[in-house]
């Protein structure tokens, strides 16, 4: 799926406080169980390494523009399970 495709939504999800790499991988695995939704992890933008922080900055969710309401609710439940999050841009999936 291409970012320029008008029939595809791409939403940046960031958790605050950060969650661990293993949790991001688990989250991505759960999200990708939803039909037509993919999750792509992206690196933390800071150049300072922290053993206590996550090296992952967040996750990109890619989905069709016409995602079913049931799928939106399930995505929100999964994200809420992992903590407090924000979405950029604000799509149909809001905290």
Protein backbone atom coordinates (compact mmCIF):
# COMPACT_ATOMS: atom_id res chain seq x y z
CA UNK A 1 0.00 0.00 0.00
CA UNK A 2 1.35 3.37 -0.93
CA UNK A 3 1.10 6.44 1.29
CA UNK A 4 -0.12 8.49 -1.69
CA UNK A 5 -3.02 6.10 -2.35
CA UNK A 6 -6.25 8.05 -1.61
CA UNK A 7 -8.10 4.87 -0.59
CA UNK A 8 -5.60 4.11 2.20
CA UNK A 9 -5.32 5.73 5.63
CA UNK A 10 -1.95 5.91 7.34
CA UNK A 11 -2.04 6.87 11.01
CA UNK A 12 0.94 7.41 13.35
CA UNK A 13 0.33 6.00 16.85
CA UNK A 14 2.59 7.11 19.71
CA UNK A 15 2.37 5.92 23.34
CA UNK A 16 3.14 8.16 26.31
CA UNK A 17 4.88 6.91 28.32
CA UNK A 18 6.79 4.74 25.86
CA UNK A 19 6.20 1.01 25.81
CA UNK A 20 8.93 -1.59 25.37
CA UNK A 21 10.00 -3.10 22.04
CA UNK A 22 8.47 -6.47 22.94
CA UNK A 23 5.15 -4.79 23.69
CA UNK A 24 5.23 -2.92 20.36
CA UNK A 25 5.86 -6.22 18.56
CA UNK A 26 3.00 -7.86 20.43
CA UNK A 27 0.73 -4.91 19.66
CA UNK A 28 1.62 -5.08 15.96
CA UNK A 29 0.88 -8.80 15.94
CA UNK A 30 -2.54 -8.21 17.49
CA UNK A 31 -3.39 -5.32 15.15
CA UNK A 32 -2.43 -7.34 12.07
CA UNK A 33 -5.04 -9.96 12.99
CA UNK A 34 -7.62 -7.41 11.83
CA UNK A 35 -8.46 -7.82 8.16
CA UNK A 36 -6.76 -5.32 5.79
CA UNK A 37 -4.85 -3.54 8.61
CA UNK A 38 -1.06 -3.51 8.84
CA UNK A 39 1.24 -2.18 11.55
CA UNK A 40 4.74 -0.83 10.88
CA UNK A 41 7.04 0.00 13.80
CA UNK A 42 9.27 3.05 13.49
CA UNK A 43 12.43 3.99 15.40
CA UNK A 44 12.63 6.54 18.20
CA UNK A 45 13.72 9.94 16.88
CA UNK A 46 16.07 10.74 19.77
CA UNK A 47 19.77 10.04 19.29
CA UNK A 48 20.37 9.33 23.00
CA UNK A 49 20.26 5.66 23.98
CA UNK A 50 18.35 4.79 27.16
CA UNK A 51 18.16 1.33 28.68
CA UNK A 52 14.94 2.33 30.41
CA UNK A 53 13.33 3.84 27.31
CA UNK A 54 12.02 2.22 24.16
CA UNK A 55 14.03 2.26 20.96
CA UNK A 56 10.71 2.26 19.10
CA UNK A 57 9.01 5.61 18.60
CA UNK A 58 5.60 4.24 17.69
CA UNK A 59 3.64 2.38 15.07
CA UNK A 60 2.13 3.31 11.70
CA UNK A 61 -1.31 1.80 11.14
CA UNK A 62 -2.24 1.36 7.50
CA UNK A 63 -5.85 0.55 6.67
CA UNK A 64 -8.43 1.06 3.94
CA UNK A 65 -10.27 4.37 4.12
CA UNK A 66 -13.53 2.48 4.53
CA UNK A 67 -12.59 0.33 7.52
CA UNK A 68 -15.64 -1.25 9.20
CA UNK A 69 -16.79 0.25 12.50
CA UNK A 70 -16.28 -3.10 14.22
CA UNK A 71 -12.61 -3.07 13.15
CA UNK A 72 -12.19 0.52 14.37
CA UNK A 73 -13.56 -0.44 17.78
CA UNK A 74 -11.27 -3.47 17.97
CA UNK A 75 -8.20 -1.40 17.05
CA UNK A 76 -9.08 1.13 19.74
CA UNK A 77 -9.50 -1.64 22.35
CA UNK A 78 -6.12 -3.14 21.43
CA UNK A 79 -4.36 0.23 21.58
CA UNK A 80 -6.00 1.11 24.91
CA UNK A 81 -4.79 -2.19 26.37
CA UNK A 82 -1.18 -1.04 25.92
CA UNK A 83 -1.55 2.41 27.48
CA UNK A 84 -2.19 6.06 26.70
CA UNK A 85 -1.74 6.87 23.01
CA UNK A 86 -2.23 9.61 20.47
CA UNK A 87 -2.98 9.38 16.76
CA UNK A 88 -1.58 11.62 14.01
CA UNK A 89 -3.36 12.50 11.81
CA UNK A 90 -6.61 12.17 13.67
CA UNK A 91 -8.50 9.55 11.70
CA UNK A 92 -11.56 7.53 12.53
CA UNK A 93 -9.48 5.84 15.24
CA UNK A 94 -9.36 8.21 18.20
CA UNK A 95 -8.23 7.50 21.79
